[in-house]
Every structure is written in structure tokens, then in C-alpha cells.
Amino acid sequence: MTKTKKTNQDPLKAEASYEELMEELSTVLKLMEDSSTSLENQLVNYEKGMKLCQELELRLKKAEEKILIINQDGMEEDFD
């Protein structure tokens, strides 16, 4: 019997927080590590995991772009 976790919610919804997406990715990784999961389900989980990784990377880049560094003169500089 294969183990799959199906949810009615799309994990990539804009309302989902970064932390919620990380939790979903962790769940997907645990499913992929389970040797009783069928190859077909492994591929589905892999695709879902890759989408989650891409979304997480995008959100992280957006957050980095918003970070401003205050230098000694009180001037704002873009985060590099």
C-alpha cells in the first residue's frame, strides 16, 4: 500500500506563509524518503517539491530585495 498525502489546498497559494510552504516541503521530502511510495507517486512528489522550492526561492529573493541596510550616516542602501 502506498502512502500519499493529498490536500485540497494548493500549497502555492499566495496566502500561504513562507513557513507553511517550508512545512509542506518537509512533508513532501518525508514522503519521498518512504521506500513504500510508488514510483508514480515519487514523481508527483518530486514535481510538487520542485514547485515549492521555486516559490520559496522567489519569496526569499523578494524579501532580500526589501531589506534595507542603514549605514552609519543613517542613509538607506539597497541590500546586495
N, C-alpha and C. Protein backbone atom coordinates (compact mmCIF):
# COMPACT_ATOMS: atom_id res chain seq x y z
N MET A 1 0.84 -1.17 0.00
CA MET A 1 0.00 0.00 0.00
C MET A 1 0.89 1.24 0.00
N THR A 2 0.59 2.20 -0.85
CA THR A 2 1.42 3.39 -0.92
C THR A 2 0.87 4.47 -0.01
N LYS A 3 1.77 5.30 0.43
CA LYS A 3 1.40 6.39 1.30
C LYS A 3 1.45 7.69 0.51
N THR A 4 0.36 8.36 0.45
CA THR A 4 0.33 9.67 -0.18
C THR A 4 -0.47 10.60 0.69
N LYS A 5 -0.11 11.84 0.64
CA LYS A 5 -0.85 12.84 1.40
C LYS A 5 -1.46 13.78 0.38
N LYS A 6 -2.76 13.82 0.37
CA LYS A 6 -3.45 14.69 -0.56
C LYS A 6 -4.18 15.74 0.24
N THR A 7 -4.06 16.97 -0.22
CA THR A 7 -4.78 18.05 0.43
C THR A 7 -5.59 18.77 -0.63
N ASN A 8 -6.66 19.37 -0.20
CA ASN A 8 -7.49 20.13 -1.12
C ASN A 8 -6.93 21.52 -1.34
N GLN A 9 -5.98 21.92 -0.51
CA GLN A 9 -5.41 23.25 -0.63
C GLN A 9 -4.19 23.22 -1.52
N ASP A 10 -4.07 24.26 -2.35
CA ASP A 10 -2.88 24.42 -3.17
C ASP A 10 -1.79 25.01 -2.30
N PRO A 11 -0.66 24.31 -2.10
CA PRO A 11 0.37 24.82 -1.20
C PRO A 11 1.04 26.08 -1.71
N LEU A 12 0.83 26.44 -2.97
CA LEU A 12 1.47 27.62 -3.52
C LEU A 12 0.57 28.84 -3.52
N LYS A 13 -0.56 28.76 -2.84
CA LYS A 13 -1.45 29.91 -2.77
C LYS A 13 -0.72 31.09 -2.16
N ALA A 14 -1.06 32.27 -2.62
CA ALA A 14 -0.41 33.49 -2.14
C ALA A 14 -0.59 33.68 -0.64
N GLU A 15 -1.69 33.14 -0.07
CA GLU A 15 -1.95 33.32 1.35
C GLU A 15 -1.02 32.48 2.23
N ALA A 16 -0.45 31.45 1.67
CA ALA A 16 0.43 30.57 2.44
C ALA A 16 1.70 31.33 2.81
N SER A 17 2.09 31.21 4.07
CA SER A 17 3.30 31.89 4.53
C SER A 17 4.53 31.09 4.08
N TYR A 18 5.68 31.73 4.18
CA TYR A 18 6.94 31.08 3.86
C TYR A 18 7.11 29.84 4.74
N GLU A 19 6.77 29.99 6.00
CA GLU A 19 6.92 28.89 6.95
C GLU A 19 5.99 27.73 6.61
N GLU A 20 4.77 28.05 6.17
CA GLU A 20 3.83 27.00 5.78
C GLU A 20 4.33 26.24 4.55
N LEU A 21 4.92 26.98 3.62
CA LEU A 21 5.48 26.32 2.43
C LEU A 21 6.67 25.45 2.79
N MET A 22 7.49 25.90 3.73
CA MET A 22 8.62 25.09 4.19
C MET A 22 8.12 23.81 4.86
N GLU A 23 7.06 23.92 5.63
CA GLU A 23 6.48 22.75 6.28
C GLU A 23 5.94 21.76 5.23
N GLU A 24 5.29 22.30 4.21
CA GLU A 24 4.77 21.44 3.14
C GLU A 24 5.92 20.75 2.41
N LEU A 25 7.00 21.48 2.16
CA LEU A 25 8.17 20.89 1.51
C LEU A 25 8.75 19.78 2.38
N SER A 26 8.80 20.00 3.67
CA SER A 26 9.30 18.98 4.59
C SER A 26 8.44 17.71 4.52
N THR A 27 7.13 17.90 4.44
CA THR A 27 6.21 16.77 4.32
C THR A 27 6.45 16.01 3.02
N VAL A 28 6.64 16.74 1.94
CA VAL A 28 6.89 16.12 0.64
C VAL A 28 8.19 15.32 0.70
N LEU A 29 9.22 15.89 1.31
CA LEU A 29 10.51 15.19 1.41
C LEU A 29 10.38 13.90 2.22
N LYS A 30 9.60 13.94 3.29
CA LYS A 30 9.39 12.73 4.09
C LYS A 30 8.69 11.65 3.27
N LEU A 31 7.72 12.06 2.47
CA LEU A 31 7.03 11.10 1.60
C LEU A 31 7.99 10.50 0.58
N MET A 32 8.89 11.32 0.07
CA MET A 32 9.85 10.83 -0.93
C MET A 32 10.86 9.87 -0.32
N GLU A 33 11.15 10.06 0.96
CA GLU A 33 12.09 9.18 1.63
C GLU A 33 11.49 7.82 1.98
N ASP A 34 10.18 7.72 1.93
CA ASP A 34 9.49 6.48 2.26
C ASP A 34 9.62 5.50 1.09
N SER A 35 10.28 4.40 1.34
CA SER A 35 10.55 3.43 0.27
C SER A 35 9.29 2.71 -0.21
N SER A 36 8.19 2.81 0.55
CA SER A 36 6.97 2.14 0.12
C SER A 36 6.15 2.99 -0.86
N THR A 37 6.59 4.23 -1.11
CA THR A 37 5.89 5.10 -2.05
C THR A 37 6.19 4.64 -3.47
N SER A 38 5.16 4.52 -4.28
CA SER A 38 5.34 4.06 -5.66
C SER A 38 6.13 5.08 -6.48
N LEU A 39 6.70 4.61 -7.57
CA LEU A 39 7.46 5.48 -8.45
C LEU A 39 6.59 6.61 -8.99
N GLU A 40 5.36 6.30 -9.34
CA GLU A 40 4.45 7.32 -9.86
C GLU A 40 4.23 8.42 -8.82
N ASN A 41 4.01 8.01 -7.57
CA ASN A 41 3.81 9.00 -6.51
C ASN A 41 5.10 9.74 -6.19
N GLN A 42 6.23 9.07 -6.33
CA GLN A 42 7.52 9.74 -6.13
C GLN A 42 7.68 10.88 -7.14
N LEU A 43 7.30 10.61 -8.38
CA LEU A 43 7.40 11.65 -9.41
C LEU A 43 6.46 12.81 -9.14
N VAL A 44 5.26 12.51 -8.68
CA VAL A 44 4.30 13.57 -8.31
C VAL A 44 4.87 14.39 -7.17
N ASN A 45 5.42 13.71 -6.17
CA ASN A 45 6.01 14.41 -5.03
C ASN A 45 7.22 15.24 -5.45
N TYR A 46 8.02 14.71 -6.36
CA TYR A 46 9.19 15.44 -6.85
C TYR A 46 8.76 16.73 -7.53
N GLU A 47 7.75 16.64 -8.38
CA GLU A 47 7.26 17.83 -9.08
C GLU A 47 6.72 18.87 -8.09
N LYS A 48 5.97 18.39 -7.12
CA LYS A 48 5.42 19.28 -6.10
C LYS A 48 6.54 19.93 -5.30
N GLY A 49 7.54 19.15 -4.96
CA GLY A 49 8.69 19.66 -4.21
C GLY A 49 9.46 20.71 -4.99
N MET A 50 9.63 20.48 -6.29
CA MET A 50 10.34 21.46 -7.11
C MET A 50 9.55 22.77 -7.21
N LYS A 51 8.24 22.68 -7.34
CA LYS A 51 7.41 23.90 -7.38
C LYS A 51 7.51 24.66 -6.06
N LEU A 52 7.48 23.91 -4.96
CA LEU A 52 7.63 24.55 -3.66
C LEU A 52 8.99 25.23 -3.53
N CYS A 53 10.05 24.56 -3.97
CA CYS A 53 11.40 25.14 -3.91
C CYS A 53 11.47 26.43 -4.73
N GLN A 54 10.90 26.41 -5.91
CA GLN A 54 10.91 27.60 -6.76
C GLN A 54 10.16 28.75 -6.11
N GLU A 55 9.01 28.46 -5.53
CA GLU A 55 8.22 29.50 -4.88
C GLU A 55 8.95 30.04 -3.65
N LEU A 56 9.56 29.15 -2.88
CA LEU A 56 10.30 29.58 -1.70
C LEU A 56 11.49 30.45 -2.09
N GLU A 57 12.19 30.08 -3.14
CA GLU A 57 13.33 30.87 -3.60
C GLU A 57 12.88 32.25 -4.07
N LEU A 58 11.77 32.30 -4.79
CA LEU A 58 11.23 33.57 -5.26
C LEU A 58 10.86 34.47 -4.08
N ARG A 59 10.19 33.91 -3.10
CA ARG A 59 9.80 34.70 -1.93
C ARG A 59 11.00 35.18 -1.15
N LEU A 60 12.03 34.35 -1.05
CA LEU A 60 13.24 34.74 -0.35
C LEU A 60 13.94 35.89 -1.09
N LYS A 61 14.01 35.81 -2.39
CA LYS A 61 14.63 36.89 -3.17
C LYS A 61 13.86 38.19 -3.02
N LYS A 62 12.52 38.10 -3.02
CA LYS A 62 11.70 39.30 -2.83
C LYS A 62 11.94 39.91 -1.45
N ALA A 63 12.06 39.06 -0.45
CA ALA A 63 12.31 39.55 0.91
C ALA A 63 13.68 40.22 0.98
N GLU A 64 14.67 39.63 0.35
CA GLU A 64 16.01 40.21 0.35
C GLU A 64 16.02 41.58 -0.33
N GLU A 65 15.23 41.70 -1.39
CA GLU A 65 15.16 42.97 -2.10
C GLU A 65 14.54 44.07 -1.23
N LYS A 66 13.70 43.71 -0.29
CA LYS A 66 13.04 44.68 0.58
C LYS A 66 13.90 45.12 1.75
N ILE A 67 14.92 44.33 2.02
CA ILE A 67 15.77 44.64 3.17
C ILE A 67 16.64 45.86 2.86
N LEU A 68 16.58 46.79 3.75
CA LEU A 68 17.41 47.99 3.62
C LEU A 68 18.42 48.02 4.76
N ILE A 69 19.62 48.41 4.40
CA ILE A 69 20.68 48.50 5.41
C ILE A 69 20.89 49.97 5.75
N ILE A 70 20.83 50.27 7.02
CA ILE A 70 21.07 51.63 7.49
C ILE A 70 22.57 51.76 7.79
N ASN A 71 23.24 52.66 7.05
CA ASN A 71 24.67 52.82 7.30
C ASN A 71 24.90 53.80 8.44
N GLN A 72 26.09 54.10 8.76
CA GLN A 72 26.44 54.94 9.90
C GLN A 72 25.86 56.35 9.78
N ASP A 73 25.65 56.85 8.58
CA ASP A 73 25.11 58.19 8.37
C ASP A 73 23.59 58.21 8.39
N GLY A 74 22.97 57.07 8.60
CA GLY A 74 21.53 56.99 8.60
C GLY A 74 20.94 56.92 7.20
N MET A 75 21.78 56.71 6.21
CA MET A 75 21.34 56.60 4.83
C MET A 75 20.87 55.17 4.57
N GLU A 76 19.88 55.04 3.74
CA GLU A 76 19.38 53.72 3.38
C GLU A 76 20.09 53.24 2.11
N GLU A 77 20.48 51.99 2.13
CA GLU A 77 21.15 51.39 0.98
C GLU A 77 20.42 50.10 0.63
N ASP A 78 20.37 49.79 -0.64
CA ASP A 78 19.76 48.53 -1.07
C ASP A 78 20.61 47.37 -0.59
N PHE A 79 19.95 46.31 -0.23
CA PHE A 79 20.61 45.08 0.18
C PHE A 79 21.24 44.42 -1.04
N ASP A 80 22.51 44.04 -0.95
CA ASP A 80 23.20 43.37 -2.07
C ASP A 80 23.32 41.91 -1.80
